[in-house]
Amino acid sequence: MSGRTHARACPERTCVGCRERAAKSDLLRIVVIEGECVPDPRGTLPGRGAYVHPALVCLDLAVRRRAFQRAFKAPGPFDTEALRHRVEQVTP
């Protein structure tokens, strides 16, 4: 055992929209439920998650680039209406 103390590393994830890495806490986790992209702000829903900044620019990029299809390894298209509504509420 070394004498160094390790500060707990802050987990990072990549935004599927802008492709920038950010702290997991700064991103919104998204899961697919019955073909719909659903926001999972508490990070407790089961299944594969994708992360996006809670900003319309990143959400639009993710939709345009078909990033959700790649992230969820499913053909899609996915309904992103509820997700868009959530991001609009969060964005000032």
C-alpha atoms as a PDB file:
ATOM      1  CA  MET A   1       0.000   0.000   0.000  1.00  0.00           C
ATOM      2  CA  SER A   2       1.389   3.377  -0.982  1.00  0.00           C
ATOM      3  CA  GLY A   3       1.476   6.381   1.287  1.00  0.00           C
ATOM      4  CA  ARG A   4      -0.503   8.516  -1.172  1.00  0.00           C
ATOM      5  CA  THR A   5      -4.084   9.431  -0.482  1.00  0.00           C
ATOM      6  CA  HIS A   6      -6.414   9.462  -3.429  1.00  0.00           C
ATOM      7  CA  ALA A   7      -9.206  11.955  -3.724  1.00  0.00           C
ATOM      8  CA  ARG A   8     -12.229  10.247  -5.182  1.00  0.00           C
ATOM      9  CA  ALA A   9     -12.246  10.856  -8.889  1.00  0.00           C
ATOM     10  CA  CYS A  10     -15.323  12.571 -10.255  1.00  0.00           C
ATOM     11  CA  PRO A  11     -16.843  10.241 -12.846  1.00  0.00           C
ATOM     12  CA  GLU A  12     -16.867  11.682 -16.355  1.00  0.00           C
ATOM     13  CA  ARG A  13     -19.109  10.896 -19.287  1.00  0.00           C
ATOM     14  CA  THR A  14     -19.201  12.087 -22.895  1.00  0.00           C
ATOM     15  CA  CYS A  15     -22.107  14.152 -24.169  1.00  0.00           C
ATOM     16  CA  VAL A  16     -23.543  12.330 -27.204  1.00  0.00           C
ATOM     17  CA  GLY A  17     -24.391  15.716 -28.733  1.00  0.00           C
ATOM     18  CA  CYS A  18     -21.213  17.812 -28.628  1.00  0.00           C
ATOM     19  CA  ARG A  19     -18.885  14.853 -27.827  1.00  0.00           C
ATOM     20  CA  GLU A  20     -17.224  16.783 -24.981  1.00  0.00           C
ATOM     21  CA  ARG A  21     -16.349  15.032 -21.744  1.00  0.00           C
ATOM     22  CA  ALA A  22     -17.913  16.481 -18.630  1.00  0.00           C
ATOM     23  CA  ALA A  23     -18.593  15.526 -15.037  1.00  0.00           C
ATOM     24  CA  LYS A  24     -21.387  12.995 -14.865  1.00  0.00           C
ATOM     25  CA  SER A  25     -23.276  15.366 -12.544  1.00  0.00           C
ATOM     26  CA  ASP A  26     -23.300  18.082 -15.253  1.00  0.00           C
ATOM     27  CA  LEU A  27     -24.954  15.820 -17.815  1.00  0.00           C
ATOM     28  CA  LEU A  28     -28.478  14.460 -18.124  1.00  0.00           C
ATOM     29  CA  ARG A  29     -28.756  10.673 -18.328  1.00  0.00           C
ATOM     30  CA  ILE A  30     -31.179   9.351 -20.911  1.00  0.00           C
ATOM     31  CA  VAL A  31     -32.634   5.865 -21.258  1.00  0.00           C
ATOM     32  CA  VAL A  32     -34.971   4.394 -23.874  1.00  0.00           C
ATOM     33  CA  ILE A  33     -38.330   3.091 -22.699  1.00  0.00           C
ATOM     34  CA  GLU A  34     -40.595   1.674 -25.407  1.00  0.00           C
ATOM     35  CA  GLY A  35     -38.957   3.674 -28.189  1.00  0.00           C
ATOM     36  CA  GLU A  36     -38.928   6.965 -26.296  1.00  0.00           C
ATOM     37  CA  CYS A  37     -35.868   8.813 -24.991  1.00  0.00           C
ATOM     38  CA  VAL A  38     -36.698   9.456 -21.348  1.00  0.00           C
ATOM     39  CA  PRO A  39     -34.713  11.786 -19.067  1.00  0.00           C
ATOM     40  CA  ASP A  40     -33.303  10.039 -16.001  1.00  0.00           C
ATOM     41  CA  PRO A  41     -32.083  12.907 -13.792  1.00  0.00           C
ATOM     42  CA  ARG A  42     -31.577  10.665 -10.727  1.00  0.00           C
ATOM     43  CA  GLY A  43     -29.703   8.040 -12.737  1.00  0.00           C
ATOM     44  CA  THR A  44     -31.754   5.179 -11.327  1.00  0.00           C
ATOM     45  CA  LEU A  45     -33.669   3.828 -14.319  1.00  0.00           C
ATOM     46  CA  PRO A  46     -32.521   0.426 -15.570  1.00  0.00           C
ATOM     47  CA  GLY A  47     -30.828  -0.165 -18.898  1.00  0.00           C
ATOM     48  CA  ARG A  48     -28.173   1.404 -21.042  1.00  0.00           C
ATOM     49  CA  GLY A  49     -27.829   5.132 -20.568  1.00  0.00           C
ATOM     50  CA  ALA A  50     -26.606   7.929 -22.798  1.00  0.00           C
ATOM     51  CA  TYR A  51     -25.558  11.335 -21.527  1.00  0.00           C
ATOM     52  CA  VAL A  52     -26.220  14.783 -22.960  1.00  0.00           C
ATOM     53  CA  HIS A  53     -25.725  18.321 -21.689  1.00  0.00           C
ATOM     54  CA  PRO A  54     -29.107  19.730 -20.634  1.00  0.00           C
ATOM     55  CA  ALA A  55     -28.976  22.227 -23.522  1.00  0.00           C
ATOM     56  CA  LEU A  56     -31.029  22.325 -26.712  1.00  0.00           C
ATOM     57  CA  VAL A  57     -27.920  22.762 -28.868  1.00  0.00           C
ATOM     58  CA  CYS A  58     -26.502  19.425 -27.639  1.00  0.00           C
ATOM     59  CA  LEU A  59     -29.874  17.685 -27.885  1.00  0.00           C
ATOM     60  CA  ASP A  60     -30.340  18.908 -31.463  1.00  0.00           C
ATOM     61  CA  LEU A  61     -26.833  17.751 -32.392  1.00  0.00           C
ATOM     62  CA  ALA A  62     -27.486  14.319 -30.896  1.00  0.00           C
ATOM     63  CA  VAL A  63     -30.744  13.935 -32.836  1.00  0.00           C
ATOM     64  CA  ARG A  64     -29.226  15.184 -36.102  1.00  0.00           C
ATOM     65  CA  ARG A  65     -26.201  12.901 -35.824  1.00  0.00           C
ATOM     66  CA  ARG A  66     -28.337   9.874 -34.829  1.00  0.00           C
ATOM     67  CA  ALA A  67     -26.234   9.644 -31.680  1.00  0.00           C
ATOM     68  CA  PHE A  68     -29.021   8.024 -29.656  1.00  0.00           C
ATOM     69  CA  GLN A  69     -29.285   5.133 -32.127  1.00  0.00           C
ATOM     70  CA  ARG A  70     -25.543   4.497 -31.742  1.00  0.00           C
ATOM     71  CA  ALA A  71     -25.524   4.964 -27.974  1.00  0.00           C
ATOM     72  CA  PHE A  72     -28.437   2.597 -27.414  1.00  0.00           C
ATOM     73  CA  LYS A  73     -27.335   0.172 -30.154  1.00  0.00           C
ATOM     74  CA  ALA A  74     -30.841   0.205 -31.581  1.00  0.00           C
ATOM     75  CA  PRO A  75     -32.182   1.271 -34.989  1.00  0.00           C
ATOM     76  CA  GLY A  76     -34.561   3.971 -33.723  1.00  0.00           C
ATOM     77  CA  PRO A  77     -35.821   6.533 -34.515  1.00  0.00           C
ATOM     78  CA  PHE A  78     -36.601   7.450 -30.950  1.00  0.00           C
ATOM     79  CA  ASP A  79     -39.251   9.880 -29.743  1.00  0.00           C
ATOM     80  CA  THR A  80     -37.379  12.778 -28.114  1.00  0.00           C
ATOM     81  CA  GLU A  81     -40.370  15.031 -27.363  1.00  0.00           C
ATOM     82  CA  ALA A  82     -40.434  14.430 -23.582  1.00  0.00           C
ATOM     83  CA  LEU A  83     -36.657  14.875 -23.483  1.00  0.00           C
ATOM     84  CA  ARG A  84     -36.865  18.153 -25.426  1.00  0.00           C
ATOM     85  CA  HIS A  85     -39.565  19.415 -23.031  1.00  0.00           C
ATOM     86  CA  ARG A  86     -37.360  18.565 -20.031  1.00  0.00           C
ATOM     87  CA  VAL A  87     -34.314  20.329 -21.503  1.00  0.00           C
ATOM     88  CA  GLU A  88     -36.412  23.421 -22.344  1.00  0.00           C
ATOM     89  CA  GLN A  89     -37.511  23.588 -18.682  1.00  0.00           C
ATOM     90  CA  VAL A  90     -33.916  23.341 -17.416  1.00  0.00           C
ATOM     91  CA  THR A  91     -32.423  25.824 -19.906  1.00  0.00           C
ATOM     92  CA  PRO A  92     -32.881  29.473 -18.905  1.00  0.00           C
END
